[in-house]
Amino acid sequence: MGEILDFRTLKTVYFALTESVINYGFVVWGNTSLATLSKLQVAQKWIIKIMLFKQKRYSSELVFRDSKILNLEQLYLKSLIRFMMKYDFYKEYLQHGQNTRSPKVYNDVPNSIKRLRYSTVKKELTRWIIDSQYAINYVI
């Protein structure tokens, strides 16, 4: 497929067929057992390496950095932050005082992103996560 399609088109196919499935319900199941997430993580890395024509042993970290695609941990973080922003989840935390990792995650998001309208936050949030490498070894 890579001989026919350029990387930009392959990336669009990845978003449509792979990342959309990963993102479906991620807030609910994204914090499941490491064994379950590990299988999904391996599949995601394998798909992206195929897209980039990289060998199986090629560095996964470089694959994600070069492709500017969020890894599983980063996708979970993005999903969690967007969920919190959409439903004012952080305000609920302040009222109930429950001890979760959500406040730390939310506090780490730059104010410039927090001030954006929910409908426009997705692209900037993705850029911040990629540029800062925030989620690497943080959530999973």
C-alpha atoms as a PDB file:
ATOM      1  CA  MET A   1       0.000   0.000   0.000  1.00  0.00           C
ATOM      2  CA  GLY A   2       2.918   2.343   0.736  1.00  0.00           C
ATOM      3  CA  GLU A   3       4.128   2.034  -2.836  1.00  0.00           C
ATOM      4  CA  ILE A   4       0.816   3.454  -4.029  1.00  0.00           C
ATOM      5  CA  LEU A   5       0.026   5.977  -1.286  1.00  0.00           C
ATOM      6  CA  ASP A   6       2.158   8.753   0.165  1.00  0.00           C
ATOM      7  CA  PHE A   7       2.724   8.986   3.927  1.00  0.00           C
ATOM      8  CA  ARG A   8       0.095  11.685   4.405  1.00  0.00           C
ATOM      9  CA  THR A   9      -2.564   9.435   2.889  1.00  0.00           C
ATOM     10  CA  LEU A  10      -1.333   6.439   4.896  1.00  0.00           C
ATOM     11  CA  LYS A  11      -1.581   8.560   8.031  1.00  0.00           C
ATOM     12  CA  THR A  12      -5.178   9.434   7.170  1.00  0.00           C
ATOM     13  CA  VAL A  13      -5.930   5.731   6.726  1.00  0.00           C
ATOM     14  CA  TYR A  14      -4.286   5.049  10.107  1.00  0.00           C
ATOM     15  CA  PHE A  15      -6.455   7.691  11.807  1.00  0.00           C
ATOM     16  CA  ALA A  16      -9.596   6.329  10.174  1.00  0.00           C
ATOM     17  CA  LEU A  17      -9.026   2.619  10.748  1.00  0.00           C
ATOM     18  CA  THR A  18      -6.745   2.322  13.767  1.00  0.00           C
ATOM     19  CA  GLU A  19      -6.775   5.377  15.983  1.00  0.00           C
ATOM     20  CA  SER A  20     -10.540   5.745  15.751  1.00  0.00           C
ATOM     21  CA  VAL A  21     -10.926   2.218  17.159  1.00  0.00           C
ATOM     22  CA  ILE A  22      -8.390   2.912  19.916  1.00  0.00           C
ATOM     23  CA  ASN A  23     -10.120   6.156  20.871  1.00  0.00           C
ATOM     24  CA  TYR A  24     -13.581   4.630  21.052  1.00  0.00           C
ATOM     25  CA  GLY A  25     -14.354   4.499  24.745  1.00  0.00           C
ATOM     26  CA  PHE A  26     -10.743   5.156  25.749  1.00  0.00           C
ATOM     27  CA  VAL A  27     -11.673   7.135  28.860  1.00  0.00           C
ATOM     28  CA  VAL A  28     -13.466   4.059  30.175  1.00  0.00           C
ATOM     29  CA  TRP A  29     -11.092   1.241  29.225  1.00  0.00           C
ATOM     30  CA  GLY A  30      -7.828   3.151  28.802  1.00  0.00           C
ATOM     31  CA  ASN A  31      -6.759   2.505  32.359  1.00  0.00           C
ATOM     32  CA  THR A  32      -7.262  -1.260  32.190  1.00  0.00           C
ATOM     33  CA  SER A  33      -4.633  -3.890  33.002  1.00  0.00           C
ATOM     34  CA  LEU A  34      -1.134  -3.590  31.589  1.00  0.00           C
ATOM     35  CA  ALA A  35      -1.454  -7.009  29.942  1.00  0.00           C
ATOM     36  CA  THR A  36      -4.452  -5.861  27.928  1.00  0.00           C
ATOM     37  CA  LEU A  37      -2.902  -2.530  27.019  1.00  0.00           C
ATOM     38  CA  SER A  38       0.362  -4.193  26.056  1.00  0.00           C
ATOM     39  CA  LYS A  39      -1.327  -6.143  23.251  1.00  0.00           C
ATOM     40  CA  LEU A  40      -2.903  -2.991  21.902  1.00  0.00           C
ATOM     41  CA  GLN A  41       0.384  -1.115  22.185  1.00  0.00           C
ATOM     42  CA  VAL A  42       2.249  -3.803  20.221  1.00  0.00           C
ATOM     43  CA  ALA A  43      -0.389  -3.736  17.484  1.00  0.00           C
ATOM     44  CA  GLN A  44      -0.248   0.056  17.221  1.00  0.00           C
ATOM     45  CA  LYS A  45       3.561   0.054  16.949  1.00  0.00           C
ATOM     46  CA  TRP A  46       3.467  -2.701  14.337  1.00  0.00           C
ATOM     47  CA  ILE A  47       0.957  -0.823  12.164  1.00  0.00           C
ATOM     48  CA  ILE A  48       2.968   2.415  12.254  1.00  0.00           C
ATOM     49  CA  LYS A  49       6.238   0.617  11.488  1.00  0.00           C
ATOM     50  CA  ILE A  50       4.610  -0.952   8.447  1.00  0.00           C
ATOM     51  CA  MET A  51       3.418   2.496   7.325  1.00  0.00           C
ATOM     52  CA  LEU A  52       6.965   3.865   7.611  1.00  0.00           C
ATOM     53  CA  PHE A  53       8.617   0.763   6.101  1.00  0.00           C
ATOM     54  CA  LYS A  54      10.628   0.208   9.279  1.00  0.00           C
ATOM     55  CA  GLN A  55      12.005  -3.085  10.529  1.00  0.00           C
ATOM     56  CA  LYS A  56      10.390  -4.835  13.477  1.00  0.00           C
ATOM     57  CA  ARG A  57      13.292  -3.923  15.784  1.00  0.00           C
ATOM     58  CA  TYR A  58      13.369  -0.247  14.781  1.00  0.00           C
ATOM     59  CA  SER A  59      12.925   2.085  17.760  1.00  0.00           C
ATOM     60  CA  SER A  60       9.251   2.595  18.545  1.00  0.00           C
ATOM     61  CA  GLU A  61      10.002   5.939  20.159  1.00  0.00           C
ATOM     62  CA  LEU A  62      11.543   7.167  16.901  1.00  0.00           C
ATOM     63  CA  VAL A  63       8.609   5.830  14.907  1.00  0.00           C
ATOM     64  CA  PHE A  64       6.134   7.869  16.932  1.00  0.00           C
ATOM     65  CA  ARG A  65       8.322  10.956  16.906  1.00  0.00           C
ATOM     66  CA  ASP A  66       8.954  10.785  13.153  1.00  0.00           C
ATOM     67  CA  SER A  67       5.319  10.141  12.284  1.00  0.00           C
ATOM     68  CA  LYS A  68       3.932  12.693  14.773  1.00  0.00           C
ATOM     69  CA  ILE A  69       1.360  10.117  15.816  1.00  0.00           C
ATOM     70  CA  LEU A  70       0.457   9.801  19.479  1.00  0.00           C
ATOM     71  CA  ASN A  71       1.349   6.532  21.173  1.00  0.00           C
ATOM     72  CA  LEU A  72      -1.175   4.674  23.298  1.00  0.00           C
ATOM     73  CA  GLU A  73      -0.215   6.481  26.499  1.00  0.00           C
ATOM     74  CA  GLN A  74      -0.449   9.861  24.828  1.00  0.00           C
ATOM     75  CA  LEU A  75      -3.801   8.997  23.257  1.00  0.00           C
ATOM     76  CA  TYR A  76      -5.128   8.069  26.678  1.00  0.00           C
ATOM     77  CA  LEU A  77      -3.859  11.321  28.141  1.00  0.00           C
ATOM     78  CA  LYS A  78      -5.400  13.355  25.325  1.00  0.00           C
ATOM     79  CA  SER A  79      -8.696  11.544  25.718  1.00  0.00           C
ATOM     80  CA  LEU A  80      -8.687  12.061  29.483  1.00  0.00           C
ATOM     81  CA  ILE A  81      -7.930  15.785  29.232  1.00  0.00           C
ATOM     82  CA  ARG A  82     -10.554  16.350  26.546  1.00  0.00           C
ATOM     83  CA  PHE A  83     -13.125  14.474  28.631  1.00  0.00           C
ATOM     84  CA  MET A  84     -12.300  16.609  31.662  1.00  0.00           C
ATOM     85  CA  MET A  85     -12.554  19.804  29.624  1.00  0.00           C
ATOM     86  CA  LYS A  86     -15.800  18.856  27.942  1.00  0.00           C
ATOM     87  CA  TYR A  87     -17.638  17.928  31.112  1.00  0.00           C
ATOM     88  CA  ASP A  88     -15.936  20.319  33.542  1.00  0.00           C
ATOM     89  CA  PHE A  89     -14.712  17.245  35.375  1.00  0.00           C
ATOM     90  CA  TYR A  90     -12.015  19.170  37.160  1.00  0.00           C
ATOM     91  CA  LYS A  91     -14.603  21.445  38.766  1.00  0.00           C
ATOM     92  CA  GLU A  92     -16.369  18.335  40.064  1.00  0.00           C
ATOM     93  CA  TYR A  93     -13.097  17.184  41.605  1.00  0.00           C
ATOM     94  CA  LEU A  94     -12.754  20.448  43.479  1.00  0.00           C
ATOM     95  CA  GLN A  95     -16.229  20.008  44.930  1.00  0.00           C
ATOM     96  CA  HIS A  96     -15.814  16.350  45.954  1.00  0.00           C
ATOM     97  CA  GLY A  97     -12.096  16.250  46.789  1.00  0.00           C
ATOM     98  CA  GLN A  98     -11.558  12.743  45.407  1.00  0.00           C
ATOM     99  CA  ASN A  99      -7.937  11.714  45.092  1.00  0.00           C
ATOM    100  CA  THR A 100      -7.229  10.779  41.466  1.00  0.00           C
ATOM    101  CA  ARG A 101      -4.435  11.511  39.009  1.00  0.00           C
ATOM    102  CA  SER A 102      -6.797  13.671  36.943  1.00  0.00           C
ATOM    103  CA  PRO A 103      -6.018  16.964  38.733  1.00  0.00           C
ATOM    104  CA  LYS A 104      -2.274  16.576  38.127  1.00  0.00           C
ATOM    105  CA  VAL A 105      -2.836  15.847  34.470  1.00  0.00           C
ATOM    106  CA  TYR A 106      -5.188  18.793  34.113  1.00  0.00           C
ATOM    107  CA  ASN A 107      -2.853  21.140  36.004  1.00  0.00           C
ATOM    108  CA  ASP A 108       0.018  20.256  33.673  1.00  0.00           C
ATOM    109  CA  VAL A 109      -1.925  21.410  30.612  1.00  0.00           C
ATOM    110  CA  PRO A 110      -0.820  24.920  29.616  1.00  0.00           C
ATOM    111  CA  ASN A 111      -3.340  27.657  30.360  1.00  0.00           C
ATOM    112  CA  SER A 112      -3.263  28.715  26.715  1.00  0.00           C
ATOM    113  CA  ILE A 113      -4.846  25.353  25.843  1.00  0.00           C
ATOM    114  CA  LYS A 114      -7.287  25.382  28.760  1.00  0.00           C
ATOM    115  CA  ARG A 115      -8.661  28.716  27.562  1.00  0.00           C
ATOM    116  CA  LEU A 116      -9.494  27.377  24.095  1.00  0.00           C
ATOM    117  CA  ARG A 117     -13.029  26.431  23.180  1.00  0.00           C
ATOM    118  CA  TYR A 118     -13.601  22.696  23.372  1.00  0.00           C
ATOM    119  CA  SER A 119     -14.239  22.494  19.634  1.00  0.00           C
ATOM    120  CA  THR A 120     -10.771  23.893  18.856  1.00  0.00           C
ATOM    121  CA  VAL A 121      -8.666  22.284  21.580  1.00  0.00           C
ATOM    122  CA  LYS A 122      -7.960  18.928  19.892  1.00  0.00           C
ATOM    123  CA  LYS A 123      -5.203  20.074  17.518  1.00  0.00           C
ATOM    124  CA  GLU A 124      -3.385  22.236  20.072  1.00  0.00           C
ATOM    125  CA  LEU A 125      -3.593  19.530  22.716  1.00  0.00           C
ATOM    126  CA  THR A 126      -2.102  16.993  20.300  1.00  0.00           C
ATOM    127  CA  ARG A 127       0.702  19.396  19.401  1.00  0.00           C
ATOM    128  CA  TRP A 128       1.493  20.029  23.080  1.00  0.00           C
ATOM    129  CA  ILE A 129       1.578  16.305  23.902  1.00  0.00           C
ATOM    130  CA  ILE A 130       3.890  15.541  20.959  1.00  0.00           C
ATOM    131  CA  ASP A 131       6.200  18.505  21.569  1.00  0.00           C
ATOM    132  CA  SER A 132       6.523  17.940  25.301  1.00  0.00           C
ATOM    133  CA  GLN A 133       6.545  14.117  25.126  1.00  0.00           C
ATOM    134  CA  TYR A 134       4.339  14.448  28.202  1.00  0.00           C
ATOM    135  CA  ALA A 135       2.728  11.030  28.397  1.00  0.00           C
ATOM    136  CA  ILE A 136       5.752   8.844  27.736  1.00  0.00           C
ATOM    137  CA  ASN A 137       5.926   6.374  30.644  1.00  0.00           C
ATOM    138  CA  TYR A 138       3.461   8.459  32.639  1.00  0.00           C
ATOM    139  CA  VAL A 139       0.068   6.814  32.391  1.00  0.00           C
ATOM    140  CA  ILE A 140       0.825   3.229  31.393  1.00  0.00           C
END
